[in-house]
């Protein structure tokens, strides 16, 4: 059975992904959520149903595992048929000077931050196109969490920033190919957001000086409300008191 509003959210068990999932649940979206921790994902699914989601499909998967990505896509297709919004939030990153980057860490970062989004977009396109056909006024959306380091280079974050820059390029090309068919894409490129992923730099940037998760959620919400005639390719979100060239 096809549900009017559906979303697939990666990295949905905590942080920005969880914030987005809660907002969409409150708005009545049916959801497919994915993250690595199956037990936590099941608990989040129950919370999202309580928030108002009419149906929640939880599929545990590692974004570096192609078979896992296929399970996520198949799970959504089997339950919902179409896809109103693909939210690409999952990501990894470590700080390291270019001269000390290991091949293993490089490969893992590329797999999760770039290869997985491409895989998911390719697999989701038929469902996104179907949703856009069913609701031509609204269309379907792809929203990806990039990083301000994908726009402005920052020392120590070369590989992370490179994958996030590539993600911006990927979605810009998706717009060139698909926005005329009603599938529009946006990358959101924030500075440090107050999540577990940013805890490593609390000694330099305390949580209260970071962006709030809700700041990002509000932007995602706004993008999803746009008509099919509007495309916002990239949104850069910087921290108050910081120049635009630093996360």
Protein backbone atom coordinates (compact mmCIF):
# COMPACT_ATOMS: atom_id res chain seq x y z
CA UNK A 1 0.00 0.00 0.00
CA UNK A 2 1.37 3.40 -0.98
CA UNK A 3 1.44 6.07 1.72
CA UNK A 4 1.08 9.72 0.70
CA UNK A 5 4.14 10.99 2.58
CA UNK A 6 7.09 8.70 3.14
CA UNK A 7 10.71 9.26 4.06
CA UNK A 8 13.84 7.14 4.31
CA UNK A 9 16.38 8.48 6.81
CA UNK A 10 19.93 7.20 7.30
CA UNK A 11 21.76 7.66 10.59
CA UNK A 12 18.35 8.01 12.22
CA UNK A 13 19.11 6.63 15.69
CA UNK A 14 20.66 9.77 17.17
CA UNK A 15 21.69 13.39 16.53
CA UNK A 16 20.53 15.18 13.40
CA UNK A 17 18.97 12.08 11.85
CA UNK A 18 16.84 11.45 14.93
CA UNK A 19 15.81 15.11 15.05
CA UNK A 20 14.66 14.97 11.44
CA UNK A 21 12.85 11.67 12.02
CA UNK A 22 10.97 13.12 15.00
CA UNK A 23 9.86 16.15 13.01
CA UNK A 24 8.62 14.06 10.10
CA UNK A 25 6.86 11.63 12.44
CA UNK A 26 5.02 14.55 14.04
CA UNK A 27 3.92 15.62 10.56
CA UNK A 28 2.50 12.19 9.78
CA UNK A 29 5.19 10.76 7.51
CA UNK A 30 5.56 7.01 7.28
CA UNK A 31 9.24 6.26 7.80
CA UNK A 32 12.02 3.85 7.01
CA UNK A 33 14.89 4.45 9.42
CA UNK A 34 18.32 2.92 9.41
CA UNK A 35 21.46 2.90 11.56
CA UNK A 36 23.91 0.24 12.72
CA UNK A 37 22.55 -0.47 16.22
CA UNK A 38 19.47 -2.67 15.78
CA UNK A 39 18.33 -2.48 19.41
CA UNK A 40 18.54 1.31 19.56
CA UNK A 41 16.86 1.55 16.16
CA UNK A 42 13.90 -0.48 17.39
CA UNK A 43 13.56 1.80 20.42
CA UNK A 44 13.64 4.86 18.16
CA UNK A 45 10.99 3.28 15.91
CA UNK A 46 8.66 2.90 18.89
CA UNK A 47 9.28 6.54 19.86
CA UNK A 48 8.52 7.72 16.32
CA UNK A 49 5.23 5.81 16.25
CA UNK A 50 4.32 7.53 19.51
CA UNK A 51 5.20 10.88 17.90
CA UNK A 52 2.65 10.31 15.14
CA UNK A 53 4.30 8.28 12.38
CA UNK A 54 1.59 5.96 10.98
CA UNK A 55 4.15 3.30 10.11
CA UNK A 56 7.87 2.90 10.80
CA UNK A 57 10.18 0.35 9.18
CA UNK A 58 13.49 -0.09 11.00
CA UNK A 59 16.30 -1.73 9.03
CA UNK A 60 19.71 -2.02 10.72
CA UNK A 61 22.58 -1.63 8.26
CA UNK A 62 26.15 -0.42 7.96
CA UNK A 63 26.46 2.27 5.28
CA UNK A 64 29.72 0.66 4.13
CA UNK A 65 27.87 -2.62 3.36
CA UNK A 66 26.28 -2.65 -0.11
CA UNK A 67 24.06 -5.60 0.81
CA UNK A 68 22.83 -3.68 3.84
CA UNK A 69 21.96 -0.69 1.66
CA UNK A 70 19.98 -2.98 -0.64
CA UNK A 71 18.06 -4.32 2.38
CA UNK A 72 17.15 -0.78 3.39
CA UNK A 73 15.91 0.07 -0.10
CA UNK A 74 14.01 -3.19 -0.48
CA UNK A 75 12.44 -2.77 2.94
CA UNK A 76 11.10 0.64 2.02
CA UNK A 77 9.92 -0.46 -1.43
CA UNK A 78 8.11 -3.50 -0.04
CA UNK A 79 6.32 -1.52 2.67
CA UNK A 80 5.60 1.80 0.95
CA UNK A 81 6.23 1.62 -2.79
CA UNK A 82 7.10 5.29 -3.27
CA UNK A 83 9.46 7.72 -1.54
CA UNK A 84 8.66 11.37 -0.89
CA UNK A 85 11.95 12.24 0.80
CA UNK A 86 15.36 10.58 0.93
CA UNK A 87 17.37 11.99 3.83
CA UNK A 88 21.08 11.12 3.58
CA UNK A 89 22.36 11.92 7.05
CA UNK A 90 24.76 9.09 7.99
CA UNK A 91 28.43 9.96 7.83
CA UNK A 92 31.85 9.32 9.36
CA UNK A 93 34.94 11.43 9.79
CA UNK A 94 38.20 11.68 11.68
CA UNK A 95 40.70 14.49 11.96
CA UNK A 96 44.14 13.87 10.48
CA UNK A 97 46.73 15.88 8.56
CA UNK A 98 47.01 14.87 4.90
CA UNK A 99 50.44 13.37 5.48
CA UNK A 100 49.04 10.97 8.09
CA UNK A 101 45.86 9.78 6.36
CA UNK A 102 45.77 5.98 6.12
CA UNK A 103 44.36 4.16 3.11
CA UNK A 104 42.00 2.23 5.38
CA UNK A 105 40.53 5.39 6.87
CA UNK A 106 40.31 7.04 3.44
CA UNK A 107 38.43 4.06 2.00
CA UNK A 108 35.99 3.91 4.92
CA UNK A 109 35.23 7.63 4.70
CA UNK A 110 34.61 7.45 0.95
CA UNK A 111 32.44 4.34 1.34
CA UNK A 112 30.14 5.88 3.96
CA UNK A 113 30.12 9.55 2.92
CA UNK A 114 30.01 9.19 -0.87
CA UNK A 115 29.57 5.65 -2.16
CA UNK A 116 26.59 4.90 0.11
CA UNK A 117 24.69 8.07 -0.88
CA UNK A 118 25.23 7.27 -4.56
CA UNK A 119 24.05 3.70 -4.02
CA UNK A 120 20.94 4.86 -2.16
CA UNK A 121 20.10 7.56 -4.71
CA UNK A 122 20.42 5.08 -7.57
CA UNK A 123 18.22 2.54 -5.81
CA UNK A 124 15.67 5.11 -4.66
CA UNK A 125 15.24 6.99 -7.95
CA UNK A 126 12.33 4.88 -9.24
CA UNK A 127 10.47 5.42 -5.94
CA UNK A 128 11.29 9.14 -5.91
CA UNK A 129 10.06 9.54 -9.49
CA UNK A 130 6.88 7.66 -8.61
CA UNK A 131 6.25 9.97 -5.65
CA UNK A 132 6.86 13.03 -7.82
CA UNK A 133 4.38 11.72 -10.40
CA UNK A 134 1.80 11.09 -7.69
CA UNK A 135 2.23 14.60 -6.24
CA UNK A 136 3.44 16.86 -9.09
CA UNK A 137 2.88 20.06 -7.13
CA UNK A 138 5.24 19.00 -4.34
CA UNK A 139 7.52 16.55 -6.13
CA UNK A 140 10.03 14.44 -4.23
CA UNK A 141 13.17 15.54 -2.38
CA UNK A 142 16.66 14.33 -1.67
CA UNK A 143 18.36 16.08 1.26
CA UNK A 144 21.95 15.25 2.20
CA UNK A 145 23.98 16.41 5.19
CA UNK A 146 27.27 17.72 3.88
CA UNK A 147 29.57 19.94 5.92
CA UNK A 148 30.91 23.47 5.83
CA UNK A 149 34.30 21.76 5.33
CA UNK A 150 33.00 20.64 1.94
CA UNK A 151 32.77 24.32 0.97
CA UNK A 152 35.67 25.88 2.90
CA UNK A 153 38.79 23.76 3.47
CA UNK A 154 39.90 23.22 7.05
CA UNK A 155 43.25 21.88 8.27
CA UNK A 156 43.06 18.31 9.51
CA UNK A 157 39.80 17.50 7.75
CA UNK A 158 41.02 16.95 4.19
CA UNK A 159 39.44 13.55 3.54
CA UNK A 160 36.20 14.31 5.36
CA UNK A 161 35.90 17.65 3.57
CA UNK A 162 36.72 16.10 0.20
CA UNK A 163 33.92 13.55 0.53
CA UNK A 164 31.48 16.26 1.61
CA UNK A 165 32.50 18.45 -1.34
CA UNK A 166 31.94 15.48 -3.63
CA UNK A 167 28.51 14.96 -2.06
CA UNK A 168 27.59 18.56 -2.92
CA UNK A 169 28.71 17.97 -6.49
CA UNK A 170 26.76 14.71 -6.69
CA UNK A 171 23.49 16.32 -5.62
CA UNK A 172 24.04 19.35 -7.86
CA UNK A 173 24.31 16.95 -10.80
CA UNK A 174 21.23 15.10 -9.58
CA UNK A 175 19.35 18.39 -9.86
CA UNK A 176 20.59 18.88 -13.41
CA UNK A 177 19.31 15.44 -14.33
CA UNK A 178 16.15 15.03 -12.26
CA UNK A 179 14.72 18.31 -10.97
CA UNK A 180 12.82 18.73 -14.24
CA UNK A 181 11.14 15.42 -13.42
CA UNK A 182 10.10 16.67 -9.97
CA UNK A 183 12.98 15.19 -7.94
CA UNK A 184 14.93 18.05 -6.34
CA UNK A 185 18.07 17.76 -4.23
CA UNK A 186 19.60 19.92 -1.49
CA UNK A 187 22.81 19.58 0.50
CA UNK A 188 23.00 21.26 3.90
CA UNK A 189 26.56 22.18 4.89
CA UNK A 190 26.71 23.13 8.58
CA UNK A 191 29.57 23.94 10.87
CA UNK A 192 29.91 21.93 14.09
CA UNK A 193 26.52 20.76 15.38
CA UNK A 194 26.03 19.76 19.01
CA UNK A 195 25.91 15.97 18.54
CA UNK A 196 27.96 12.98 19.67
CA UNK A 197 30.02 13.25 16.48
CA UNK A 198 31.32 16.67 17.57
CA UNK A 199 32.26 15.69 21.13
CA UNK A 200 35.92 15.27 20.17
CA UNK A 201 36.39 19.03 19.81
CA UNK A 202 34.58 20.16 22.98
CA UNK A 203 37.90 21.28 24.47
CA UNK A 204 38.10 23.95 21.73
CA UNK A 205 34.43 24.56 20.92
CA UNK A 206 32.00 23.97 23.81
CA UNK A 207 28.56 22.54 22.96
CA UNK A 208 26.79 25.82 23.73
CA UNK A 209 28.73 27.50 20.91
CA UNK A 210 27.83 24.85 18.36
CA UNK A 211 24.79 24.83 16.12
CA UNK A 212 21.73 23.14 17.61
CA UNK A 213 20.29 20.02 16.00
CA UNK A 214 16.99 21.89 15.61
CA UNK A 215 18.73 24.51 13.45
CA UNK A 216 19.40 21.81 10.87
CA UNK A 217 15.97 20.21 11.33
CA UNK A 218 14.28 23.53 10.57
CA UNK A 219 16.15 23.82 7.27
CA UNK A 220 15.28 20.26 6.25
CA UNK A 221 11.64 20.93 7.11
CA UNK A 222 11.64 24.09 4.99
CA UNK A 223 13.21 22.34 2.00
CA UNK A 224 10.65 19.54 2.13
CA UNK A 225 7.84 22.11 2.06
CA UNK A 226 9.02 23.71 -1.19
CA UNK A 227 7.04 23.22 -4.37
CA UNK A 228 8.40 21.15 -7.23
CA UNK A 229 9.19 24.41 -9.03
CA UNK A 230 11.86 25.41 -6.50
CA UNK A 231 15.38 24.04 -6.14
CA UNK A 232 17.83 25.00 -3.38
CA UNK A 233 21.11 23.28 -4.29
CA UNK A 234 23.21 24.01 -1.19
CA UNK A 235 22.68 25.70 2.17
CA UNK A 236 25.76 26.71 4.18
CA UNK A 237 25.09 27.12 7.91
CA UNK A 238 27.86 28.72 9.97
CA UNK A 239 28.19 29.19 13.72
CA UNK A 240 27.57 32.59 15.29
CA UNK A 241 30.85 34.28 16.21
CA UNK A 242 32.89 32.21 13.75
CA UNK A 243 34.03 33.33 10.33
CA UNK A 244 32.58 31.45 7.37
CA UNK A 245 35.84 29.67 6.68
CA UNK A 246 35.87 27.50 9.80
CA UNK A 247 33.56 24.74 10.99
